[in-house]
């Protein structure tokens, strides 16, 4: 689960830097794209520098004001929690310079295509639409909105963002959340199931497979916790 370990650094550092969820998600997508494009030679690259570069680039794309020095120091502290924050000096300046070079490398790998669509707007729209099909009290009791959002953020620890369209991921996340909450979705006035309305070209099995991939993250976490 080496890949998941590094995306967790992205989430940890991004949260400490107070980046929003979409910026953190875009940083994870940038990271996944780079790794997929350089899979055969990934050992040549420093993935920790890549994380810093991905966070800096994502912040720029989302027009969030954050200093590169803060990104470097925050990430370094996440990588090395038992050491103090970096102070200005040769190592600090060399690290900043290396991150800047990795950002250029990342941009080239992305072919300067930074306008990446995320599942977040789709999920928000689907939640609003689905809530109208369900009794208000049952909807509130289910906490499905917060659960869906958590599952969506966790999905970026996988490479699902590279193999599925944003609306498909949003639908699969909502499908999984509905199953977890055991929420009954009435279907009396339509010949189609609710997920077929949101993703008409995607079968239920595919949604289940996407959900299974996400659930495997939690199984891995549980196994790791048991070993420790």
C-alpha atoms as a PDB file:
ATOM      1  CA  UNK A   1       0.000   0.000   0.000  1.00  0.00           C
ATOM      2  CA  UNK A   2       2.930   2.325  -0.745  1.00  0.00           C
ATOM      3  CA  UNK A   3       0.773   4.459  -3.027  1.00  0.00           C
ATOM      4  CA  UNK A   4      -1.838   4.929  -0.300  1.00  0.00           C
ATOM      5  CA  UNK A   5       0.848   5.950   2.198  1.00  0.00           C
ATOM      6  CA  UNK A   6       1.935   8.831  -0.015  1.00  0.00           C
ATOM      7  CA  UNK A   7      -1.602  10.038  -0.752  1.00  0.00           C
ATOM      8  CA  UNK A   8      -2.172  10.105   3.005  1.00  0.00           C
ATOM      9  CA  UNK A   9       0.723  12.554   3.227  1.00  0.00           C
ATOM     10  CA  UNK A  10      -1.089  14.722   0.682  1.00  0.00           C
ATOM     11  CA  UNK A  11      -4.251  14.717   2.785  1.00  0.00           C
ATOM     12  CA  UNK A  12      -2.394  15.310   6.053  1.00  0.00           C
ATOM     13  CA  UNK A  13      -0.270  18.164   4.730  1.00  0.00           C
ATOM     14  CA  UNK A  14      -3.127  19.683   2.729  1.00  0.00           C
ATOM     15  CA  UNK A  15      -5.361  19.693   5.788  1.00  0.00           C
ATOM     16  CA  UNK A  16      -2.691  21.313   7.941  1.00  0.00           C
ATOM     17  CA  UNK A  17      -2.184  23.939   5.235  1.00  0.00           C
ATOM     18  CA  UNK A  18      -5.948  24.563   5.303  1.00  0.00           C
ATOM     19  CA  UNK A  19      -6.401  23.757   1.634  1.00  0.00           C
ATOM     20  CA  UNK A  20      -9.964  22.955   0.634  1.00  0.00           C
ATOM     21  CA  UNK A  21     -11.074  19.450  -0.294  1.00  0.00           C
ATOM     22  CA  UNK A  22     -10.963  20.087  -4.021  1.00  0.00           C
ATOM     23  CA  UNK A  23      -7.387  21.378  -3.855  1.00  0.00           C
ATOM     24  CA  UNK A  24      -6.313  18.309  -1.884  1.00  0.00           C
ATOM     25  CA  UNK A  25      -8.140  16.058  -4.344  1.00  0.00           C
ATOM     26  CA  UNK A  26      -6.491  17.748  -7.329  1.00  0.00           C
ATOM     27  CA  UNK A  27      -3.079  17.297  -5.725  1.00  0.00           C
ATOM     28  CA  UNK A  28      -3.861  13.589  -5.369  1.00  0.00           C
ATOM     29  CA  UNK A  29      -4.961  13.403  -9.013  1.00  0.00           C
ATOM     30  CA  UNK A  30      -1.750  15.127 -10.133  1.00  0.00           C
ATOM     31  CA  UNK A  31       0.224  12.625  -8.053  1.00  0.00           C
ATOM     32  CA  UNK A  32      -1.619   9.635  -9.543  1.00  0.00           C
ATOM     33  CA  UNK A  33      -1.197  10.885 -13.111  1.00  0.00           C
ATOM     34  CA  UNK A  34       2.533  11.381 -12.630  1.00  0.00           C
ATOM     35  CA  UNK A  35       2.965   7.914 -11.104  1.00  0.00           C
ATOM     36  CA  UNK A  36       0.945   6.255 -13.873  1.00  0.00           C
ATOM     37  CA  UNK A  37       2.939   8.041 -16.580  1.00  0.00           C
ATOM     38  CA  UNK A  38       6.313   7.167 -15.028  1.00  0.00           C
ATOM     39  CA  UNK A  39       5.471   3.694 -13.695  1.00  0.00           C
ATOM     40  CA  UNK A  40       8.390   1.979 -15.403  1.00  0.00           C
ATOM     41  CA  UNK A  41      10.940   4.383 -13.946  1.00  0.00           C
ATOM     42  CA  UNK A  42       9.231   5.572 -10.759  1.00  0.00           C
ATOM     43  CA  UNK A  43      12.271   4.604  -8.658  1.00  0.00           C
ATOM     44  CA  UNK A  44      14.159   7.499 -10.238  1.00  0.00           C
ATOM     45  CA  UNK A  45      11.909  10.072  -8.614  1.00  0.00           C
ATOM     46  CA  UNK A  46      11.576  11.390  -5.091  1.00  0.00           C
ATOM     47  CA  UNK A  47       7.865  10.999  -4.342  1.00  0.00           C
ATOM     48  CA  UNK A  48       8.084  13.281  -1.324  1.00  0.00           C
ATOM     49  CA  UNK A  49       9.255  16.121  -3.547  1.00  0.00           C
ATOM     50  CA  UNK A  50       6.449  15.191  -5.925  1.00  0.00           C
ATOM     51  CA  UNK A  51       3.889  15.546  -3.119  1.00  0.00           C
ATOM     52  CA  UNK A  52       5.140  19.038  -2.276  1.00  0.00           C
ATOM     53  CA  UNK A  53       5.034  20.022  -5.949  1.00  0.00           C
ATOM     54  CA  UNK A  54       1.540  18.573  -6.403  1.00  0.00           C
ATOM     55  CA  UNK A  55       0.194  20.481  -3.407  1.00  0.00           C
ATOM     56  CA  UNK A  56       1.791  23.727  -4.585  1.00  0.00           C
ATOM     57  CA  UNK A  57       0.413  23.302  -8.095  1.00  0.00           C
ATOM     58  CA  UNK A  58      -3.066  22.377  -6.846  1.00  0.00           C
ATOM     59  CA  UNK A  59      -3.144  25.450  -4.611  1.00  0.00           C
ATOM     60  CA  UNK A  60      -2.279  27.632  -7.608  1.00  0.00           C
ATOM     61  CA  UNK A  61      -4.975  26.021  -9.751  1.00  0.00           C
ATOM     62  CA  UNK A  62      -7.560  26.601  -7.019  1.00  0.00           C
ATOM     63  CA  UNK A  63      -6.239  30.140  -6.548  1.00  0.00           C
ATOM     64  CA  UNK A  64      -5.425  29.530  -2.893  1.00  0.00           C
ATOM     65  CA  UNK A  65      -2.705  31.741  -1.459  1.00  0.00           C
ATOM     66  CA  UNK A  66      -0.097  29.586   0.254  1.00  0.00           C
ATOM     67  CA  UNK A  67       3.646  30.070   0.415  1.00  0.00           C
ATOM     68  CA  UNK A  68       5.945  27.417  -1.007  1.00  0.00           C
ATOM     69  CA  UNK A  69       7.996  27.619   2.177  1.00  0.00           C
ATOM     70  CA  UNK A  70       4.922  26.700   4.227  1.00  0.00           C
ATOM     71  CA  UNK A  71       4.235  23.738   1.964  1.00  0.00           C
ATOM     72  CA  UNK A  72       7.836  22.555   2.243  1.00  0.00           C
ATOM     73  CA  UNK A  73       7.930  22.899   6.030  1.00  0.00           C
ATOM     74  CA  UNK A  74       4.503  21.335   6.584  1.00  0.00           C
ATOM     75  CA  UNK A  75       5.235  18.373   4.333  1.00  0.00           C
ATOM     76  CA  UNK A  76       8.677  17.869   5.845  1.00  0.00           C
ATOM     77  CA  UNK A  77       7.087  17.753   9.297  1.00  0.00           C
ATOM     78  CA  UNK A  78       4.551  15.176   8.056  1.00  0.00           C
ATOM     79  CA  UNK A  79       7.369  13.046   6.653  1.00  0.00           C
ATOM     80  CA  UNK A  80       9.482  13.443   9.805  1.00  0.00           C
ATOM     81  CA  UNK A  81       7.107  14.045  12.741  1.00  0.00           C
ATOM     82  CA  UNK A  82       9.844  13.663  15.355  1.00  0.00           C
ATOM     83  CA  UNK A  83      12.092  16.407  14.032  1.00  0.00           C
ATOM     84  CA  UNK A  84      11.626  20.188  14.433  1.00  0.00           C
ATOM     85  CA  UNK A  85      10.475  22.454  11.611  1.00  0.00           C
ATOM     86  CA  UNK A  86      13.124  23.466   9.114  1.00  0.00           C
ATOM     87  CA  UNK A  87      14.935  26.728   9.606  1.00  0.00           C
ATOM     88  CA  UNK A  88      16.291  28.905   6.818  1.00  0.00           C
ATOM     89  CA  UNK A  89      19.586  27.448   5.663  1.00  0.00           C
ATOM     90  CA  UNK A  90      21.275  25.583   2.833  1.00  0.00           C
ATOM     91  CA  UNK A  91      19.121  22.452   3.155  1.00  0.00           C
ATOM     92  CA  UNK A  92      15.900  24.461   3.306  1.00  0.00           C
ATOM     93  CA  UNK A  93      16.744  26.507   0.214  1.00  0.00           C
ATOM     94  CA  UNK A  94      17.913  23.455  -1.723  1.00  0.00           C
ATOM     95  CA  UNK A  95      14.657  21.698  -0.823  1.00  0.00           C
ATOM     96  CA  UNK A  96      12.579  24.632  -2.073  1.00  0.00           C
ATOM     97  CA  UNK A  97      14.592  24.713  -5.286  1.00  0.00           C
ATOM     98  CA  UNK A  98      14.076  20.962  -5.765  1.00  0.00           C
ATOM     99  CA  UNK A  99      10.315  21.320  -5.281  1.00  0.00           C
ATOM    100  CA  UNK A 100      10.215  24.077  -7.912  1.00  0.00           C
ATOM    101  CA  UNK A 101      12.022  21.765 -10.359  1.00  0.00           C
ATOM    102  CA  UNK A 102       9.604  18.928  -9.579  1.00  0.00           C
ATOM    103  CA  UNK A 103       6.683  21.250 -10.193  1.00  0.00           C
ATOM    104  CA  UNK A 104       8.013  21.940 -13.688  1.00  0.00           C
ATOM    105  CA  UNK A 105       8.506  18.199 -14.214  1.00  0.00           C
ATOM    106  CA  UNK A 106       4.943  17.598 -13.038  1.00  0.00           C
ATOM    107  CA  UNK A 107       3.600  20.251 -15.399  1.00  0.00           C
ATOM    108  CA  UNK A 108       5.378  18.602 -18.309  1.00  0.00           C
ATOM    109  CA  UNK A 109       4.020  15.203 -17.347  1.00  0.00           C
ATOM    110  CA  UNK A 110       0.518  16.680 -17.165  1.00  0.00           C
ATOM    111  CA  UNK A 111       1.173  18.328 -20.552  1.00  0.00           C
ATOM    112  CA  UNK A 112       0.113  21.556 -18.843  1.00  0.00           C
ATOM    113  CA  UNK A 113      -3.491  20.293 -18.733  1.00  0.00           C
ATOM    114  CA  UNK A 114      -4.597  21.502 -15.323  1.00  0.00           C
ATOM    115  CA  UNK A 115      -8.335  21.876 -15.852  1.00  0.00           C
ATOM    116  CA  UNK A 116      -9.205  18.562 -14.226  1.00  0.00           C
ATOM    117  CA  UNK A 117     -12.826  17.765 -13.495  1.00  0.00           C
ATOM    118  CA  UNK A 118     -13.558  16.355 -10.054  1.00  0.00           C
ATOM    119  CA  UNK A 119     -16.540  14.296  -8.859  1.00  0.00           C
ATOM    120  CA  UNK A 120     -17.404  16.815  -6.122  1.00  0.00           C
ATOM    121  CA  UNK A 121     -19.901  18.984  -8.096  1.00  0.00           C
ATOM    122  CA  UNK A 122     -21.612  15.848  -9.397  1.00  0.00           C
ATOM    123  CA  UNK A 123     -21.931  14.334  -5.936  1.00  0.00           C
ATOM    124  CA  UNK A 124     -23.358  17.560  -4.540  1.00  0.00           C
ATOM    125  CA  UNK A 125     -25.933  17.700  -7.344  1.00  0.00           C
ATOM    126  CA  UNK A 126     -26.839  14.007  -6.944  1.00  0.00           C
ATOM    127  CA  UNK A 127     -27.278  14.360  -3.182  1.00  0.00           C
ATOM    128  CA  UNK A 128     -29.704  17.247  -3.656  1.00  0.00           C
ATOM    129  CA  UNK A 129     -31.644  15.313  -6.297  1.00  0.00           C
ATOM    130  CA  UNK A 130     -31.763  12.077  -4.307  1.00  0.00           C
ATOM    131  CA  UNK A 131     -32.884  13.844  -1.129  1.00  0.00           C
ATOM    132  CA  UNK A 132     -36.117  14.763  -2.915  1.00  0.00           C
ATOM    133  CA  UNK A 133     -36.925  11.083  -3.367  1.00  0.00           C
ATOM    134  CA  UNK A 134     -36.628  10.241   0.309  1.00  0.00           C
ATOM    135  CA  UNK A 135     -38.583  11.195   3.424  1.00  0.00           C
ATOM    136  CA  UNK A 136     -36.858  14.167   5.114  1.00  0.00           C
ATOM    137  CA  UNK A 137     -36.619  12.482   8.516  1.00  0.00           C
ATOM    138  CA  UNK A 138     -35.110   9.309   7.060  1.00  0.00           C
ATOM    139  CA  UNK A 139     -32.641  11.359   5.038  1.00  0.00           C
ATOM    140  CA  UNK A 140     -31.453  13.287   8.096  1.00  0.00           C
ATOM    141  CA  UNK A 141     -31.150  10.158  10.230  1.00  0.00           C
ATOM    142  CA  UNK A 142     -29.005   8.446   7.617  1.00  0.00           C
ATOM    143  CA  UNK A 143     -26.181  11.044   7.614  1.00  0.00           C
ATOM    144  CA  UNK A 144     -25.699  10.024   4.005  1.00  0.00           C
ATOM    145  CA  UNK A 145     -24.404  13.441   2.911  1.00  0.00           C
ATOM    146  CA  UNK A 146     -21.425  13.459   5.275  1.00  0.00           C
ATOM    147  CA  UNK A 147     -20.727   9.761   4.678  1.00  0.00           C
ATOM    148  CA  UNK A 148     -20.743  10.224   0.894  1.00  0.00           C
ATOM    149  CA  UNK A 149     -18.325  13.123   1.166  1.00  0.00           C
ATOM    150  CA  UNK A 150     -15.939  11.102   3.348  1.00  0.00           C
ATOM    151  CA  UNK A 151     -16.046   8.146   0.954  1.00  0.00           C
ATOM    152  CA  UNK A 152     -15.392  10.452  -1.991  1.00  0.00           C
ATOM    153  CA  UNK A 153     -12.313  11.952  -0.343  1.00  0.00           C
ATOM    154  CA  UNK A 154     -11.041   8.474   0.537  1.00  0.00           C
ATOM    155  CA  UNK A 155     -11.444   7.382  -3.087  1.00  0.00           C
ATOM    156  CA  UNK A 156      -8.496   9.593  -4.008  1.00  0.00           C
ATOM    157  CA  UNK A 157      -6.202   7.159  -2.215  1.00  0.00           C
ATOM    158  CA  UNK A 158      -6.858   4.911  -5.220  1.00  0.00           C
ATOM    159  CA  UNK A 159      -6.355   5.422  -8.957  1.00  0.00           C
ATOM    160  CA  UNK A 160     -10.096   5.360  -9.652  1.00  0.00           C
ATOM    161  CA  UNK A 161      -9.804   8.995 -10.760  1.00  0.00           C
ATOM    162  CA  UNK A 162      -7.695   7.820 -13.706  1.00  0.00           C
ATOM    163  CA  UNK A 163      -9.990   5.054 -14.931  1.00  0.00           C
ATOM    164  CA  UNK A 164     -13.481   6.460 -14.377  1.00  0.00           C
ATOM    165  CA  UNK A 165     -15.276   9.664 -15.276  1.00  0.00           C
ATOM    166  CA  UNK A 166     -16.099  12.038 -12.393  1.00  0.00           C
ATOM    167  CA  UNK A 167     -19.863  11.467 -12.656  1.00  0.00           C
ATOM    168  CA  UNK A 168     -19.312   7.702 -12.491  1.00  0.00           C
ATOM    169  CA  UNK A 169     -17.219   7.990  -9.331  1.00  0.00           C
ATOM    170  CA  UNK A 170     -19.826  10.296  -7.781  1.00  0.00           C
ATOM    171  CA  UNK A 171     -22.592   7.812  -8.568  1.00  0.00           C
ATOM    172  CA  UNK A 172     -20.581   4.868  -7.234  1.00  0.00           C
ATOM    173  CA  UNK A 173     -19.758   6.741  -4.025  1.00  0.00           C
ATOM    174  CA  UNK A 174     -23.422   7.568  -3.506  1.00  0.00           C
ATOM    175  CA  UNK A 175     -24.400   3.969  -4.290  1.00  0.00           C
ATOM    176  CA  UNK A 176     -21.965   2.727  -1.645  1.00  0.00           C
ATOM    177  CA  UNK A 177     -23.187   5.269   0.901  1.00  0.00           C
ATOM    178  CA  UNK A 178     -26.816   4.266   0.303  1.00  0.00           C
ATOM    179  CA  UNK A 179     -25.879   0.628   0.879  1.00  0.00           C
ATOM    180  CA  UNK A 180     -23.932   1.437   4.046  1.00  0.00           C
ATOM    181  CA  UNK A 181     -26.787   3.532   5.444  1.00  0.00           C
ATOM    182  CA  UNK A 182     -29.389   0.984   4.310  1.00  0.00           C
ATOM    183  CA  UNK A 183     -31.402   3.884   2.997  1.00  0.00           C
ATOM    184  CA  UNK A 184     -34.548   2.897   1.132  1.00  0.00           C
ATOM    185  CA  UNK A 185     -34.917   4.825  -2.119  1.00  0.00           C
ATOM    186  CA  UNK A 186     -38.518   4.686  -3.431  1.00  0.00           C
ATOM    187  CA  UNK A 187     -38.784   3.670  -7.073  1.00  0.00           C
ATOM    188  CA  UNK A 188     -42.517   3.562  -7.682  1.00  0.00           C
ATOM    189  CA  UNK A 189     -42.805   6.278 -10.341  1.00  0.00           C
ATOM    190  CA  UNK A 190     -39.885   5.309 -12.554  1.00  0.00           C
ATOM    191  CA  UNK A 191     -38.894   2.267 -14.549  1.00  0.00           C
ATOM    192  CA  UNK A 192     -35.236   3.029 -13.859  1.00  0.00           C
ATOM    193  CA  UNK A 193     -33.317   2.705 -10.624  1.00  0.00           C
ATOM    194  CA  UNK A 194     -32.003   5.950  -9.143  1.00  0.00           C
ATOM    195  CA  UNK A 195     -28.380   5.300 -10.130  1.00  0.00           C
ATOM    196  CA  UNK A 196     -29.449   4.754 -13.746  1.00  0.00           C
ATOM    197  CA  UNK A 197     -30.747   8.311 -13.779  1.00  0.00           C
ATOM    198  CA  UNK A 198     -27.348   9.696 -12.713  1.00  0.00           C
ATOM    199  CA  UNK A 199     -25.182   7.314 -14.780  1.00  0.00           C
ATOM    200  CA  UNK A 200     -27.369   5.778 -17.502  1.00  0.00           C
ATOM    201  CA  UNK A 201     -24.402   4.248 -19.335  1.00  0.00           C
ATOM    202  CA  UNK A 202     -22.997   2.455 -16.282  1.00  0.00           C
ATOM    203  CA  UNK A 203     -24.210  -0.877 -14.965  1.00  0.00           C
ATOM    204  CA  UNK A 204     -24.825  -1.702 -11.314  1.00  0.00           C
ATOM    205  CA  UNK A 205     -21.973  -4.220 -11.335  1.00  0.00           C
ATOM    206  CA  UNK A 206     -19.476  -1.527 -12.302  1.00  0.00           C
ATOM    207  CA  UNK A 207     -20.695   0.678  -9.457  1.00  0.00           C
ATOM    208  CA  UNK A 208     -20.283  -2.242  -7.076  1.00  0.00           C
ATOM    209  CA  UNK A 209     -16.741  -2.889  -8.314  1.00  0.00           C
ATOM    210  CA  UNK A 210     -15.791   0.751  -7.747  1.00  0.00           C
ATOM    211  CA  UNK A 211     -17.269   0.551  -4.265  1.00  0.00           C
ATOM    212  CA  UNK A 212     -15.320  -2.658  -3.624  1.00  0.00           C
ATOM    213  CA  UNK A 213     -12.077  -0.896  -4.534  1.00  0.00           C
ATOM    214  CA  UNK A 214     -12.833   1.838  -1.998  1.00  0.00           C
ATOM    215  CA  UNK A 215     -13.845  -0.658   0.681  1.00  0.00           C
ATOM    216  CA  UNK A 216     -10.511  -2.428   0.250  1.00  0.00           C
ATOM    217  CA  UNK A 217      -8.866   0.731   1.610  1.00  0.00           C
ATOM    218  CA  UNK A 218     -10.707   0.263   4.889  1.00  0.00           C
ATOM    219  CA  UNK A 219      -9.877  -3.456   4.976  1.00  0.00           C
ATOM    220  CA  UNK A 220      -6.203  -2.589   4.551  1.00  0.00           C
ATOM    221  CA  UNK A 221      -6.391  -0.025   7.353  1.00  0.00           C
ATOM    222  CA  UNK A 222      -8.042  -2.577   9.639  1.00  0.00           C
ATOM    223  CA  UNK A 223      -5.400  -5.204   8.844  1.00  0.00           C
ATOM    224  CA  UNK A 224      -2.607  -2.717   9.527  1.00  0.00           C
ATOM    225  CA  UNK A 225      -4.194  -1.687  12.823  1.00  0.00           C
ATOM    226  CA  UNK A 226      -4.499  -5.308  13.914  1.00  0.00           C
ATOM    227  CA  UNK A 227      -0.817  -5.946  13.175  1.00  0.00           C
ATOM    228  CA  UNK A 228       0.245  -2.958  15.255  1.00  0.00           C
END
